[in-house]
């Protein structure tokens, strides 16, 4: 399926997890999560990574609430979607 991910996963990445990344020959990004002997590999196209980083920056700007039951925002981005600048 063009434009769709090739797998669906739920992954819990702790703050202490090893993260590595390299470029592929066509400038996509190969991300390795975990120890080399037992790691998850993700291949992500450069434009998709740029969108993911933008979403992450926006989410990291949200203050951590004192009440853990506070509803927090979620963001969605699609190719070609233009959100107003922060």
C-alpha atoms as a PDB file:
ATOM      1  CA  UNK A   1       0.000   0.000   0.000  1.00  0.00           C
ATOM      2  CA  UNK A   2       1.618   3.249  -1.076  1.00  0.00           C
ATOM      3  CA  UNK A   3       1.675   5.870   1.638  1.00  0.00           C
ATOM      4  CA  UNK A   4       0.844   3.443   4.427  1.00  0.00           C
ATOM      5  CA  UNK A   5       3.177   1.992   7.079  1.00  0.00           C
ATOM      6  CA  UNK A   6       4.215  -1.621   6.508  1.00  0.00           C
ATOM      7  CA  UNK A   7       3.630  -2.749  10.117  1.00  0.00           C
ATOM      8  CA  UNK A   8       1.577  -1.765  13.131  1.00  0.00           C
ATOM      9  CA  UNK A   9       3.346  -1.929  16.498  1.00  0.00           C
ATOM     10  CA  UNK A  10       2.910  -0.692  20.035  1.00  0.00           C
ATOM     11  CA  UNK A  11       6.301   0.009  21.573  1.00  0.00           C
ATOM     12  CA  UNK A  12       7.095   1.289  25.072  1.00  0.00           C
ATOM     13  CA  UNK A  13      10.473   3.083  24.978  1.00  0.00           C
ATOM     14  CA  UNK A  14      11.819   3.936  28.461  1.00  0.00           C
ATOM     15  CA  UNK A  15      13.955   7.032  28.981  1.00  0.00           C
ATOM     16  CA  UNK A  16      17.030   4.870  29.499  1.00  0.00           C
ATOM     17  CA  UNK A  17      16.661   3.053  26.155  1.00  0.00           C
ATOM     18  CA  UNK A  18      19.547   3.206  23.688  1.00  0.00           C
ATOM     19  CA  UNK A  19      18.647   5.068  20.487  1.00  0.00           C
ATOM     20  CA  UNK A  20      20.762   5.205  17.322  1.00  0.00           C
ATOM     21  CA  UNK A  21      20.143   6.481  13.812  1.00  0.00           C
ATOM     22  CA  UNK A  22      21.928   6.529  10.464  1.00  0.00           C
ATOM     23  CA  UNK A  23      21.139   7.646   6.931  1.00  0.00           C
ATOM     24  CA  UNK A  24      20.443   5.126   4.213  1.00  0.00           C
ATOM     25  CA  UNK A  25      21.856   5.521   0.714  1.00  0.00           C
ATOM     26  CA  UNK A  26      18.711   7.322  -0.435  1.00  0.00           C
ATOM     27  CA  UNK A  27      18.729   9.658   2.610  1.00  0.00           C
ATOM     28  CA  UNK A  28      15.923   7.953   4.509  1.00  0.00           C
ATOM     29  CA  UNK A  29      16.648   7.459   8.199  1.00  0.00           C
ATOM     30  CA  UNK A  30      17.319   4.078   9.830  1.00  0.00           C
ATOM     31  CA  UNK A  31      16.484   4.273  13.556  1.00  0.00           C
ATOM     32  CA  UNK A  32      17.623   1.515  15.920  1.00  0.00           C
ATOM     33  CA  UNK A  33      15.952   1.269  19.330  1.00  0.00           C
ATOM     34  CA  UNK A  34      17.418  -0.930  22.067  1.00  0.00           C
ATOM     35  CA  UNK A  35      20.611  -2.942  22.347  1.00  0.00           C
ATOM     36  CA  UNK A  36      22.261  -4.161  19.123  1.00  0.00           C
ATOM     37  CA  UNK A  37      21.589  -7.792  20.080  1.00  0.00           C
ATOM     38  CA  UNK A  38      17.856  -7.163  20.551  1.00  0.00           C
ATOM     39  CA  UNK A  39      16.867  -3.970  18.765  1.00  0.00           C
ATOM     40  CA  UNK A  40      13.873  -2.692  16.864  1.00  0.00           C
ATOM     41  CA  UNK A  41      14.724  -1.235  13.454  1.00  0.00           C
ATOM     42  CA  UNK A  42      12.629   1.488  11.836  1.00  0.00           C
ATOM     43  CA  UNK A  43      13.144   2.867   8.346  1.00  0.00           C
ATOM     44  CA  UNK A  44      11.496   6.273   7.995  1.00  0.00           C
ATOM     45  CA  UNK A  45      11.414   8.562   4.978  1.00  0.00           C
ATOM     46  CA  UNK A  46      13.029  11.932   5.617  1.00  0.00           C
ATOM     47  CA  UNK A  47       9.791  13.962   5.056  1.00  0.00           C
ATOM     48  CA  UNK A  48       7.875  11.696   7.463  1.00  0.00           C
ATOM     49  CA  UNK A  49      10.623  12.096  10.081  1.00  0.00           C
ATOM     50  CA  UNK A  50      10.475  15.879   9.716  1.00  0.00           C
ATOM     51  CA  UNK A  51       6.710  15.789  10.352  1.00  0.00           C
ATOM     52  CA  UNK A  52       7.185  13.455  13.336  1.00  0.00           C
ATOM     53  CA  UNK A  53       9.783  15.807  14.835  1.00  0.00           C
ATOM     54  CA  UNK A  54       7.434  18.793  14.430  1.00  0.00           C
ATOM     55  CA  UNK A  55       4.649  16.918  16.241  1.00  0.00           C
ATOM     56  CA  UNK A  56       7.090  15.861  18.986  1.00  0.00           C
ATOM     57  CA  UNK A  57       8.274  19.456  19.473  1.00  0.00           C
ATOM     58  CA  UNK A  58       4.690  20.640  19.854  1.00  0.00           C
ATOM     59  CA  UNK A  59       3.834  17.862  22.324  1.00  0.00           C
ATOM     60  CA  UNK A  60       6.997  18.445  24.375  1.00  0.00           C
ATOM     61  CA  UNK A  61       5.990  22.115  24.740  1.00  0.00           C
ATOM     62  CA  UNK A  62       2.847  21.089  26.667  1.00  0.00           C
ATOM     63  CA  UNK A  63       3.478  21.452  30.425  1.00  0.00           C
ATOM     64  CA  UNK A  64       3.173  18.276  32.489  1.00  0.00           C
ATOM     65  CA  UNK A  65      -0.016  18.700  34.555  1.00  0.00           C
ATOM     66  CA  UNK A  66      -0.095  18.200  38.309  1.00  0.00           C
ATOM     67  CA  UNK A  67      -3.218  16.060  37.964  1.00  0.00           C
ATOM     68  CA  UNK A  68      -2.430  12.839  36.017  1.00  0.00           C
ATOM     69  CA  UNK A  69      -6.098  12.614  34.943  1.00  0.00           C
ATOM     70  CA  UNK A  70      -5.948  15.916  33.048  1.00  0.00           C
ATOM     71  CA  UNK A  71      -6.849  15.442  29.386  1.00  0.00           C
ATOM     72  CA  UNK A  72      -3.869  16.310  27.213  1.00  0.00           C
ATOM     73  CA  UNK A  73      -3.860  17.367  23.554  1.00  0.00           C
ATOM     74  CA  UNK A  74      -3.146  15.042  20.669  1.00  0.00           C
ATOM     75  CA  UNK A  75      -1.896  16.029  17.222  1.00  0.00           C
ATOM     76  CA  UNK A  76      -2.349  14.561  13.763  1.00  0.00           C
ATOM     77  CA  UNK A  77      -0.359  15.384  10.670  1.00  0.00           C
ATOM     78  CA  UNK A  78      -0.758  14.132   7.117  1.00  0.00           C
ATOM     79  CA  UNK A  79       1.391  14.702   4.062  1.00  0.00           C
ATOM     80  CA  UNK A  80       0.644  18.117   2.614  1.00  0.00           C
ATOM     81  CA  UNK A  81      -1.355  19.179   5.681  1.00  0.00           C
ATOM     82  CA  UNK A  82      -0.424  22.665   6.795  1.00  0.00           C
ATOM     83  CA  UNK A  83      -0.829  23.567  10.440  1.00  0.00           C
ATOM     84  CA  UNK A  84      -0.470  27.194  11.495  1.00  0.00           C
ATOM     85  CA  UNK A  85       3.008  28.007  12.857  1.00  0.00           C
ATOM     86  CA  UNK A  86       3.468  27.895  16.612  1.00  0.00           C
END
